[in-house]
PDB file of N, CA and C in Angstrom:
ATOM      1  N   MET A   1      -2.886  27.007  22.385  1.00  0.00           N
ATOM      2  CA  MET A   1      -3.349  27.427  21.426  1.00  0.00           C
ATOM      3  C   MET A   1      -4.778  28.310  21.773  1.00  0.00           C
ATOM      4  N   ASN A   2      -4.996  29.472  21.739  1.00  0.00           N
ATOM      5  CA  ASN A   2      -6.497  30.074  22.176  1.00  0.00           C
ATOM      6  C   ASN A   2      -7.401  30.102  21.338  1.00  0.00           C
ATOM      7  N   MET A   3      -8.241  29.112  21.633  1.00  0.00           N
ATOM      8  CA  MET A   3      -9.506  28.898  20.743  1.00  0.00           C
ATOM      9  C   MET A   3     -10.562  29.713  21.102  1.00  0.00           C
ATOM     10  N   LYS A   4     -11.181  30.203  20.316  1.00  0.00           N
ATOM     11  CA  LYS A   4     -12.597  30.810  20.379  1.00  0.00           C
ATOM     12  C   LYS A   4     -13.609  30.126  19.888  1.00  0.00           C
ATOM     13  N   TRP A   5     -15.007  30.343  20.338  1.00  0.00           N
ATOM     14  CA  TRP A   5     -16.016  29.516  19.762  1.00  0.00           C
ATOM     15  C   TRP A   5     -16.040  29.588  18.291  1.00  0.00           C
ATOM     16  N   TYR A   6     -15.885  30.496  17.662  1.00  0.00           N
ATOM     17  CA  TYR A   6     -15.803  30.651  15.980  1.00  0.00           C
ATOM     18  C   TYR A   6     -15.036  29.733  15.288  1.00  0.00           C
ATOM     19  N   HIS A   7     -13.827  29.528  16.150  1.00  0.00           N
ATOM     20  CA  HIS A   7     -12.953  28.640  15.451  1.00  0.00           C
ATOM     21  C   HIS A   7     -13.730  27.225  15.430  1.00  0.00           C
ATOM     22  N   TYR A   8     -14.282  26.829  16.516  1.00  0.00           N
ATOM     23  CA  TYR A   8     -14.888  25.713  16.191  1.00  0.00           C
ATOM     24  C   TYR A   8     -15.983  25.510  15.374  1.00  0.00           C
ATOM     25  N   ILE A   9     -16.733  26.773  15.026  1.00  0.00           N
ATOM     26  CA  ILE A   9     -17.622  26.614  14.076  1.00  0.00           C
ATOM     27  C   ILE A   9     -16.979  26.652  12.595  1.00  0.00           C
ATOM     28  N   ALA A  10     -15.942  27.405  12.550  1.00  0.00           N
ATOM     29  CA  ALA A  10     -15.014  27.358  11.297  1.00  0.00           C
ATOM     30  C   ALA A  10     -14.748  25.907  11.016  1.00  0.00           C
ATOM     31  N   CYS A  11     -14.327  24.991  12.006  1.00  0.00           N
ATOM     32  CA  CYS A  11     -13.911  23.458  11.771  1.00  0.00           C
ATOM     33  C   CYS A  11     -15.027  22.907  11.194  1.00  0.00           C
ATOM     34  N   PHE A  12     -16.050  23.100  11.616  1.00  0.00           N
ATOM     35  CA  PHE A  12     -17.277  22.362  11.197  1.00  0.00           C
ATOM     36  C   PHE A  12     -17.637  22.714  10.013  1.00  0.00           C
ATOM     37  N   SER A  13     -17.831  23.987   9.509  1.00  0.00           N
ATOM     38  CA  SER A  13     -18.140  24.517   8.089  1.00  0.00           C
ATOM     39  C   SER A  13     -16.957  24.129   7.065  1.00  0.00           C
ATOM     40  N   ALA A  14     -15.726  24.147   7.572  1.00  0.00           N
ATOM     41  CA  ALA A  14     -14.464  23.760   6.613  1.00  0.00           C
ATOM     42  C   ALA A  14     -14.682  22.059   6.077  1.00  0.00           C
ATOM     43  N   GLY A  15     -15.302  21.675   7.245  1.00  0.00           N
ATOM     44  CA  GLY A  15     -15.822  20.037   6.658  1.00  0.00           C
ATOM     45  C   GLY A  15     -17.014  19.924   5.830  1.00  0.00           C
ATOM     46  N   MET A  16     -18.068  20.792   5.766  1.00  0.00           N
ATOM     47  CA  MET A  16     -18.959  21.030   5.255  1.00  0.00           C
ATOM     48  C   MET A  16     -18.688  21.345   3.606  1.00  0.00           C
ATOM     49  N   PHE A  17     -17.855  22.568   3.531  1.00  0.00           N
ATOM     50  CA  PHE A  17     -17.640  23.165   2.289  1.00  0.00           C
ATOM     51  C   PHE A  17     -16.638  22.166   1.534  1.00  0.00           C
ATOM     52  N   LEU A  18     -15.635  21.627   2.072  1.00  0.00           N
ATOM     53  CA  LEU A  18     -14.714  20.656   1.448  1.00  0.00           C
ATOM     54  C   LEU A  18     -15.651  19.557   0.860  1.00  0.00           C
ATOM     55  N   THR A  19     -16.688  18.950   1.403  1.00  0.00           N
ATOM     56  CA  THR A  19     -17.052  18.025   1.204  1.00  0.00           C
ATOM     57  C   THR A  19     -18.211  18.390   0.307  1.00  0.00           C
ATOM     58  N   ASN A  20     -18.850  19.525   0.005  1.00  0.00           N
ATOM     59  CA  ASN A  20     -19.973  19.978  -1.306  1.00  0.00           C
ATOM     60  C   ASN A  20     -18.973  19.971  -2.133  1.00  0.00           C
ATOM     61  N   ALA A  21     -17.541  20.316  -2.032  1.00  0.00           N
ATOM     62  CA  ALA A  21     -16.605  20.413  -3.437  1.00  0.00           C
ATOM     63  C   ALA A  21     -16.573  18.871  -4.290  1.00  0.00           C
ATOM     64  N   VAL A  22     -16.862  18.075  -3.466  1.00  0.00           N
ATOM     65  CA  VAL A  22     -16.402  16.673  -4.239  1.00  0.00           C
ATOM     66  C   VAL A  22     -17.653  16.620  -5.421  1.00  0.00           C
ATOM     67  N   PRO A  23     -18.698  16.176  -5.025  1.00  0.00           N
ATOM     68  CA  PRO A  23     -19.476  15.544  -6.390  1.00  0.00           C
ATOM     69  C   PRO A  23     -19.636  16.628  -7.421  1.00  0.00           C
ATOM     70  N   HIS A  24     -19.383  18.177  -7.058  1.00  0.00           N
ATOM     71  CA  HIS A  24     -19.435  19.369  -8.056  1.00  0.00           C
ATOM     72  C   HIS A  24     -18.203  19.013  -8.997  1.00  0.00           C
ATOM     73  N   PHE A  25     -17.288  18.876  -8.458  1.00  0.00           N
ATOM     74  CA  PHE A  25     -15.953  18.666  -9.250  1.00  0.00           C
ATOM     75  C   PHE A  25     -15.803  17.422 -10.011  1.00  0.00           C
ATOM     76  N   VAL A  26     -15.976  16.089  -9.339  1.00  0.00           N
ATOM     77  CA  VAL A  26     -16.295  15.124  -9.839  1.00  0.00           C
ATOM     78  C   VAL A  26     -17.084  14.870 -11.223  1.00  0.00           C
ATOM     79  N   GLN A  27     -18.175  15.393 -10.804  1.00  0.00           N
ATOM     80  CA  GLN A  27     -19.276  15.552 -12.080  1.00  0.00           C
ATOM     81  C   GLN A  27     -18.739  16.460 -13.322  1.00  0.00           C
ATOM     82  N   GLY A  28     -18.243  17.539 -12.576  1.00  0.00           N
ATOM     83  CA  GLY A  28     -17.732  18.589 -13.591  1.00  0.00           C
ATOM     84  C   GLY A  28     -16.673  18.351 -14.761  1.00  0.00           C
ATOM     85  N   VAL A  29     -15.750  17.395 -13.933  1.00  0.00           N
ATOM     86  CA  VAL A  29     -14.466  16.925 -14.555  1.00  0.00           C
ATOM     87  C   VAL A  29     -14.716  15.963 -15.789  1.00  0.00           C
ATOM     88  N   THR A  30     -15.795  15.134 -15.453  1.00  0.00           N
ATOM     89  CA  THR A  30     -16.267  13.878 -16.139  1.00  0.00           C
ATOM     90  C   THR A  30     -17.244  14.204 -17.011  1.00  0.00           C
ATOM     91  N   SER A  31     -17.493  15.574 -17.025  1.00  0.00           N
ATOM     92  CA  SER A  31     -18.434  16.166 -18.494  1.00  0.00           C
ATOM     93  C   SER A  31     -19.891  15.844 -17.915  1.00  0.00           C
ATOM     94  N   VAL A  32     -20.390  15.716 -16.911  1.00  0.00           N
ATOM     95  CA  VAL A  32     -21.894  15.359 -16.496  1.00  0.00           C
ATOM     96  C   VAL A  32     -22.451  16.623 -15.962  1.00  0.00           C
ATOM     97  N   PRO A  33     -23.445  17.043 -16.630  1.00  0.00           N
ATOM     98  CA  PRO A  33     -24.312  18.008 -15.847  1.00  0.00           C
ATOM     99  C   PRO A  33     -24.925  17.430 -14.495  1.00  0.00           C
ATOM    100  N   PHE A  34     -24.922  18.610 -13.651  1.00  0.00           N
ATOM    101  CA  PHE A  34     -25.314  17.967 -12.165  1.00  0.00           C
ATOM    102  C   PHE A  34     -25.694  19.550 -11.576  1.00  0.00           C
ATOM    103  N   PRO A  35     -26.678  19.439 -10.858  1.00  0.00           N
ATOM    104  CA  PRO A  35     -27.526  20.706 -10.066  1.00  0.00           C
ATOM    105  C   PRO A  35     -26.600  21.391  -9.290  1.00  0.00           C
ATOM    106  N   THR A  36     -26.494  22.515  -9.661  1.00  0.00           N
ATOM    107  CA  THR A  36     -25.933  23.699  -8.365  1.00  0.00           C
ATOM    108  C   THR A  36     -27.077  24.769  -8.069  1.00  0.00           C
ATOM    109  N   PRO A  37     -26.631  25.606  -7.038  1.00  0.00           N
ATOM    110  CA  PRO A  37     -27.547  26.718  -6.941  1.00  0.00           C
ATOM    111  C   PRO A  37     -27.663  27.829  -8.048  1.00  0.00           C
ATOM    112  N   PHE A  38     -27.176  27.453  -9.582  1.00  0.00           N
ATOM    113  CA  PHE A  38     -27.205  28.300 -10.470  1.00  0.00           C
ATOM    114  C   PHE A  38     -28.214  27.733 -11.391  1.00  0.00           C
ATOM    115  N   SER A  39     -28.738  26.390 -11.294  1.00  0.00           N
ATOM    116  CA  SER A  39     -29.364  25.941 -12.040  1.00  0.00           C
ATOM    117  C   SER A  39     -30.991  26.278 -12.366  1.00  0.00           C
ATOM    118  N   ASN A  40     -31.691  26.074 -13.196  1.00  0.00           N
ATOM    119  CA  ASN A  40     -33.210  26.232 -12.778  1.00  0.00           C
ATOM    120  C   ASN A  40     -33.966  25.077 -12.879  1.00  0.00           C
ATOM    121  N   PRO A  41     -34.857  24.970 -11.833  1.00  0.00           N
ATOM    122  CA  PRO A  41     -34.668  25.920 -10.448  1.00  0.00           C
ATOM    123  C   PRO A  41     -33.549  25.374  -9.916  1.00  0.00           C
ATOM    124  N   PRO A  42     -33.188  26.117  -8.898  1.00  0.00           N
ATOM    125  CA  PRO A  42     -31.626  26.423  -8.096  1.00  0.00           C
ATOM    126  C   PRO A  42     -31.907  24.788  -7.270  1.00  0.00           C
ATOM    127  N   GLY A  43     -30.712  24.032  -7.617  1.00  0.00           N
ATOM    128  CA  GLY A  43     -30.556  23.158  -6.752  1.00  0.00           C
ATOM    129  C   GLY A  43     -31.209  21.531  -7.374  1.00  0.00           C
ATOM    130  N   LYS A  44     -31.818  21.928  -8.488  1.00  0.00           N
ATOM    131  CA  LYS A  44     -32.969  20.647  -8.763  1.00  0.00           C
ATOM    132  C   LYS A  44     -32.507  20.508 -10.348  1.00  0.00           C
ATOM    133  N   GLY A  45     -32.346  21.880 -11.176  1.00  0.00           N
ATOM    134  CA  GLY A  45     -32.007  21.470 -13.079  1.00  0.00           C
ATOM    135  C   GLY A  45     -30.774  21.527 -12.744  1.00  0.00           C
ATOM    136  N   LEU A  46     -30.264  21.100 -13.781  1.00  0.00           N
ATOM    137  CA  LEU A  46     -28.894  20.593 -14.279  1.00  0.00           C
ATOM    138  C   LEU A  46     -28.098  21.896 -14.481  1.00  0.00           C
ATOM    139  N   SER A  47     -26.751  22.126 -14.023  1.00  0.00           N
ATOM    140  CA  SER A  47     -25.989  23.085 -14.718  1.00  0.00           C
ATOM    141  C   SER A  47     -24.688  22.245 -15.259  1.00  0.00           C
ATOM    142  N   SER A  48     -24.089  23.180 -16.358  1.00  0.00           N
ATOM    143  CA  SER A  48     -23.016  22.498 -17.209  1.00  0.00           C
ATOM    144  C   SER A  48     -22.074  21.970 -16.495  1.00  0.00           C
ATOM    145  N   PRO A  49     -21.054  21.176 -16.854  1.00  0.00           N
ATOM    146  CA  PRO A  49     -19.857  20.706 -16.111  1.00  0.00           C
ATOM    147  C   PRO A  49     -18.793  21.917 -15.849  1.00  0.00           C
ATOM    148  N   THR A  50     -19.055  23.038 -16.738  1.00  0.00           N
ATOM    149  CA  THR A  50     -17.838  24.018 -16.567  1.00  0.00           C
ATOM    150  C   THR A  50     -18.360  24.714 -15.242  1.00  0.00           C
ATOM    151  N   ILE A  51     -19.778  25.178 -15.149  1.00  0.00           N
ATOM    152  CA  ILE A  51     -20.484  25.702 -13.778  1.00  0.00           C
ATOM    153  C   ILE A  51     -20.040  24.722 -12.426  1.00  0.00           C
ATOM    154  N   ASN A  52     -20.332  23.458 -12.599  1.00  0.00           N
ATOM    155  CA  ASN A  52     -19.955  22.733 -11.531  1.00  0.00           C
ATOM    156  C   ASN A  52     -18.229  22.490 -11.360  1.00  0.00           C
ATOM    157  N   VAL A  53     -17.653  22.736 -12.242  1.00  0.00           N
ATOM    158  CA  VAL A  53     -16.053  23.003 -11.642  1.00  0.00           C
ATOM    159  C   VAL A  53     -15.839  24.136 -11.140  1.00  0.00           C
ATOM    160  N   LEU A  54     -16.217  25.320 -11.495  1.00  0.00           N
ATOM    161  CA  LEU A  54     -16.247  26.753 -11.032  1.00  0.00           C
ATOM    162  C   LEU A  54     -16.988  26.491  -9.384  1.00  0.00           C
ATOM    163  N   TRP A  55     -18.089  26.125  -9.075  1.00  0.00           N
ATOM    164  CA  TRP A  55     -18.630  25.773  -8.087  1.00  0.00           C
ATOM    165  C   TRP A  55     -17.899  25.123  -7.227  1.00  0.00           C
ATOM    166  N   ALA A  56     -17.572  24.227  -7.416  1.00  0.00           N
ATOM    167  CA  ALA A  56     -16.380  23.118  -6.583  1.00  0.00           C
ATOM    168  C   ALA A  56     -15.359  23.851  -6.450  1.00  0.00           C
ATOM    169  N   THR A  57     -14.776  24.884  -7.228  1.00  0.00           N
ATOM    170  CA  THR A  57     -13.430  25.417  -7.045  1.00  0.00           C
ATOM    171  C   THR A  57     -13.741  26.384  -5.516  1.00  0.00           C
ATOM    172  N   LEU A  58     -15.053  27.210  -6.002  1.00  0.00           N
ATOM    173  CA  LEU A  58     -15.399  28.076  -4.795  1.00  0.00           C
ATOM    174  C   LEU A  58     -15.529  27.564  -3.479  1.00  0.00           C
ATOM    175  N   ASN A  59     -16.283  26.389  -3.528  1.00  0.00           N
ATOM    176  CA  ASN A  59     -16.192  25.485  -2.130  1.00  0.00           C
ATOM    177  C   ASN A  59     -14.907  25.267  -1.677  1.00  0.00           C
ATOM    178  N   LEU A  60     -14.033  24.547  -2.537  1.00  0.00           N
ATOM    179  CA  LEU A  60     -12.683  24.352  -2.278  1.00  0.00           C
ATOM    180  C   LEU A  60     -11.837  25.833  -1.360  1.00  0.00           C
ATOM    181  N   ILE A  61     -11.938  26.702  -2.393  1.00  0.00           N
ATOM    182  CA  ILE A  61     -11.493  27.861  -1.565  1.00  0.00           C
ATOM    183  C   ILE A  61     -11.841  28.243  -0.375  1.00  0.00           C
ATOM    184  N   ILE A  62     -13.448  28.412  -0.049  1.00  0.00           N
ATOM    185  CA  ILE A  62     -13.916  28.479   1.027  1.00  0.00           C
ATOM    186  C   ILE A  62     -13.563  27.829   2.481  1.00  0.00           C
ATOM    187  N   GLY A  63     -13.422  26.454   1.805  1.00  0.00           N
ATOM    188  CA  GLY A  63     -13.647  25.216   2.908  1.00  0.00           C
ATOM    189  C   GLY A  63     -11.782  25.435   3.213  1.00  0.00           C
ATOM    190  N   TYR A  64     -10.929  25.623   2.469  1.00  0.00           N
ATOM    191  CA  TYR A  64      -9.663  26.088   2.709  1.00  0.00           C
ATOM    192  C   TYR A  64      -9.183  26.775   3.691  1.00  0.00           C
ATOM    193  N   LEU A  65      -9.797  28.258   3.325  1.00  0.00           N
ATOM    194  CA  LEU A  65      -9.841  29.376   4.313  1.00  0.00           C
ATOM    195  C   LEU A  65     -10.813  29.089   5.688  1.00  0.00           C
ATOM    196  N   LEU A  66     -12.006  28.259   5.479  1.00  0.00           N
ATOM    197  CA  LEU A  66     -12.300  27.995   6.955  1.00  0.00           C
ATOM    198  C   LEU A  66     -11.349  26.976   7.739  1.00  0.00           C
ATOM    199  N   PHE A  67     -10.937  26.001   6.911  1.00  0.00           N
ATOM    200  CA  PHE A  67      -9.693  25.036   7.521  1.00  0.00           C
ATOM    201  C   PHE A  67      -8.867  25.742   8.466  1.00  0.00           C
ATOM    202  N   ARG A  68      -8.280  27.117   7.655  1.00  0.00           N
ATOM    203  CA  ARG A  68      -6.994  27.446   8.224  1.00  0.00           C
ATOM    204  C   ARG A  68      -7.692  28.389   9.370  1.00  0.00           C
ATOM    205  N   ALA A  69      -8.928  29.029   9.106  1.00  0.00           N
ATOM    206  CA  ALA A  69      -9.284  29.687  10.438  1.00  0.00           C
ATOM    207  C   ALA A  69      -9.582  28.955  11.664  1.00  0.00           C
ATOM    208  N   GLY A  70     -10.054  27.873  11.391  1.00  0.00           N
ATOM    209  CA  GLY A  70     -10.428  26.963  12.314  1.00  0.00           C
ATOM    210  C   GLY A  70      -9.229  26.313  13.066  1.00  0.00           C
ATOM    211  N   ARG A  71      -8.032  26.552  12.571  1.00  0.00           N
ATOM    212  CA  ARG A  71      -6.957  26.130  13.361  1.00  0.00           C
ATOM    213  C   ARG A  71      -6.756  24.974  13.578  1.00  0.00           C
ATOM    214  N   ILE A  72      -7.569  23.678  12.468  1.00  0.00           N
ATOM    215  CA  ILE A  72      -7.366  22.471  12.733  1.00  0.00           C
ATOM    216  C   ILE A  72      -6.076  21.960  12.657  1.00  0.00           C
ATOM    217  N   THR A  73      -5.923  20.967  13.983  1.00  0.00           N
ATOM    218  CA  THR A  73      -4.569  20.454  14.096  1.00  0.00           C
ATOM    219  C   THR A  73      -4.833  19.143  15.017  1.00  0.00           C
ATOM    220  N   ASN A  74      -3.960  18.410  14.795  1.00  0.00           N
ATOM    221  CA  ASN A  74      -4.219  16.816  15.783  1.00  0.00           C
ATOM    222  C   ASN A  74      -3.939  17.296  17.385  1.00  0.00           C
ATOM    223  N   SER A  75      -3.236  18.262  17.442  1.00  0.00           N
ATOM    224  CA  SER A  75      -2.825  18.596  19.061  1.00  0.00           C
ATOM    225  C   SER A  75      -4.349  19.056  19.727  1.00  0.00           C
ATOM    226  N   ASN A  76      -5.435  19.289  18.844  1.00  0.00           N
ATOM    227  CA  ASN A  76      -6.597  19.817  19.448  1.00  0.00           C
ATOM    228  C   ASN A  76      -7.726  18.840  18.885  1.00  0.00           C
ATOM    229  N   ARG A  77      -8.015  17.862  19.280  1.00  0.00           N
ATOM    230  CA  ARG A  77      -8.637  16.642  19.059  1.00  0.00           C
ATOM    231  C   ARG A  77     -10.236  17.055  18.357  1.00  0.00           C
ATOM    232  N   TRP A  78     -10.579  18.312  19.318  1.00  0.00           N
ATOM    233  CA  TRP A  78     -12.005  18.925  19.061  1.00  0.00           C
ATOM    234  C   TRP A  78     -12.110  19.392  17.467  1.00  0.00           C
ATOM    235  N   THR A  79     -10.962  20.190  17.207  1.00  0.00           N
ATOM    236  CA  THR A  79     -11.249  20.715  15.781  1.00  0.00           C
ATOM    237  C   THR A  79     -11.194  19.744  14.808  1.00  0.00           C
ATOM    238  N   VAL A  80     -10.465  18.576  14.716  1.00  0.00           N
ATOM    239  CA  VAL A  80     -10.440  17.284  14.043  1.00  0.00           C
ATOM    240  C   VAL A  80     -12.058  16.576  13.859  1.00  0.00           C
ATOM    241  N   ILE A  81     -12.541  16.445  15.251  1.00  0.00           N
ATOM    242  CA  ILE A  81     -13.686  15.862  15.272  1.00  0.00           C
ATOM    243  C   ILE A  81     -14.938  16.631  14.918  1.00  0.00           C
ATOM    244  N   LEU A  82     -14.596  17.999  15.166  1.00  0.00           N
ATOM    245  CA  LEU A  82     -15.859  18.845  14.449  1.00  0.00           C
ATOM    246  C   LEU A  82     -15.688  18.957  12.902  1.00  0.00           C
ATOM    247  N   PHE A  83     -14.510  18.880  12.499  1.00  0.00           N
ATOM    248  CA  PHE A  83     -14.175  19.041  10.901  1.00  0.00           C
ATOM    249  C   PHE A  83     -15.004  17.665  10.049  1.00  0.00           C
ATOM    250  N   PHE A  84     -14.546  16.732  10.854  1.00  0.00           N
ATOM    251  CA  PHE A  84     -15.351  15.072  10.202  1.00  0.00           C
ATOM    252  C   PHE A  84     -16.712  15.358  10.742  1.00  0.00           C
ATOM    253  N   VAL A  85     -17.318  15.705  11.524  1.00  0.00           N
ATOM    254  CA  VAL A  85     -18.621  16.119  11.949  1.00  0.00           C
ATOM    255  C   VAL A  85     -19.212  16.733  10.669  1.00  0.00           C
ATOM    256  N   GLY A  86     -18.639  17.809  10.297  1.00  0.00           N
ATOM    257  CA  GLY A  86     -19.025  18.359   9.126  1.00  0.00           C
ATOM    258  C   GLY A  86     -19.188  17.608   8.072  1.00  0.00           C
ATOM    259  N   VAL A  87     -18.083  16.717   7.624  1.00  0.00           N
ATOM    260  CA  VAL A  87     -18.135  15.885   6.736  1.00  0.00           C
ATOM    261  C   VAL A  87     -19.179  15.299   6.605  1.00  0.00           C
ATOM    262  N   LEU A  88     -19.372  14.460   7.884  1.00  0.00           N
ATOM    263  CA  LEU A  88     -20.521  13.611   7.583  1.00  0.00           C
ATOM    264  C   LEU A  88     -21.602  14.298   7.535  1.00  0.00           C
ATOM    265  N   VAL A  89     -22.121  15.375   8.417  1.00  0.00           N
ATOM    266  CA  VAL A  89     -23.235  15.892   8.188  1.00  0.00           C
ATOM    267  C   VAL A  89     -23.784  16.507   6.503  1.00  0.00           C
ATOM    268  N   MET A  90     -22.634  17.224   5.786  1.00  0.00           N
ATOM    269  CA  MET A  90     -22.962  17.576   4.575  1.00  0.00           C
ATOM    270  C   MET A  90     -23.012  16.376   3.827  1.00  0.00           C
ATOM    271  N   GLY A  91     -22.311  15.139   3.892  1.00  0.00           N
ATOM    272  CA  GLY A  91     -22.306  13.794   3.261  1.00  0.00           C
ATOM    273  C   GLY A  91     -23.687  13.384   3.128  1.00  0.00           C
ATOM    274  N   VAL A  92     -24.295  13.203   4.692  1.00  0.00           N
ATOM    275  CA  VAL A  92     -25.606  12.942   4.593  1.00  0.00           C
ATOM    276  C   VAL A  92     -26.679  13.707   4.062  1.00  0.00           C
ATOM    277  N   MET A  93     -26.599  15.138   3.973  1.00  0.00           N
ATOM    278  CA  MET A  93     -27.479  15.936   3.430  1.00  0.00           C
ATOM    279  C   MET A  93     -27.364  15.804   1.868  1.00  0.00           C
ATOM    280  N   LEU A  94     -26.113  15.645   1.619  1.00  0.00           N
ATOM    281  CA  LEU A  94     -26.181  15.565   0.111  1.00  0.00           C
ATOM    282  C   LEU A  94     -26.835  14.376  -0.573  1.00  0.00           C
ATOM    283  N   SER A  95     -26.495  13.439   0.015  1.00  0.00           N
ATOM    284  CA  SER A  95     -27.213  11.892  -0.393  1.00  0.00           C
ATOM    285  C   SER A  95     -28.667  12.253  -0.054  1.00  0.00           C
ATOM    286  N   TRP A  96     -29.161  12.652   0.720  1.00  0.00           N
ATOM    287  CA  TRP A  96     -30.633  13.010   0.373  1.00  0.00           C
ATOM    288  C   TRP A  96     -31.131  13.728  -0.132  1.00  0.00           C
ATOM    289  N   SER A  97     -30.640  14.748  -0.639  1.00  0.00           N
ATOM    290  CA  SER A  97     -30.485  15.924  -1.464  1.00  0.00           C
ATOM    291  C   SER A  97     -30.837  15.442  -3.186  1.00  0.00           C
ATOM    292  N   PHE A  98     -29.656  14.454  -3.345  1.00  0.00           N
ATOM    293  CA  PHE A  98     -29.465  13.878  -4.596  1.00  0.00           C
ATOM    294  C   PHE A  98     -30.372  12.642  -4.820  1.00  0.00           C
ATOM    295  N   THR A  99     -30.605  11.984  -3.944  1.00  0.00           N
ATOM    296  CA  THR A  99     -31.521  10.856  -4.046  1.00  0.00           C
ATOM    297  C   THR A  99     -32.912  11.565  -4.449  1.00  0.00           C
ATOM    298  N   GLU A 100     -33.253  12.785  -4.044  1.00  0.00           N
ATOM    299  CA  GLU A 100     -34.869  13.439  -4.770  1.00  0.00           C
ATOM    300  C   GLU A 100     -34.529  13.367  -6.334  1.00  0.00           C
ATOM    301  N   ILE A 101     -33.080  13.920  -6.376  1.00  0.00           N
ATOM    302  CA  ILE A 101     -33.106  14.370  -7.693  1.00  0.00           C
ATOM    303  C   ILE A 101     -33.063  13.240  -8.900  1.00  0.00           C
ATOM    304  N   HIS A 102     -32.345  12.059  -8.223  1.00  0.00           N
ATOM    305  CA  HIS A 102     -32.101  10.900  -9.129  1.00  0.00           C
ATOM    306  C   HIS A 102     -33.330   9.840  -9.107  1.00  0.00           C
ATOM    307  N   HIS A 103     -34.450  10.153  -8.635  1.00  0.00           N
ATOM    308  CA  HIS A 103     -35.148   8.960  -8.387  1.00  0.00           C
ATOM    309  C   HIS A 103     -36.632   9.581  -8.527  1.00  0.00           C
TER     310      HIS A 103
END
């Protein structure tokens, strides 16, 4: 499989977008207001559960498209490693960001 540099960026970004979908979807389906880029102030105020489900769905769609574009497969370990590095980076960033909001 011929991989270009942008395939690897897509692998990393797929992990980030798919990870970002998780808290928004969970908070949305459990009817808990949660920050989104559409809240006031953006990322700090609270958005409705419906907005969170919509935001999560957009992140899932983008993450899926990037996953496909990145050609993530077990036969190329770097694609899997970069995907999970993206998951880790976004997970840590979200934990820092939401710690500031909840404390």
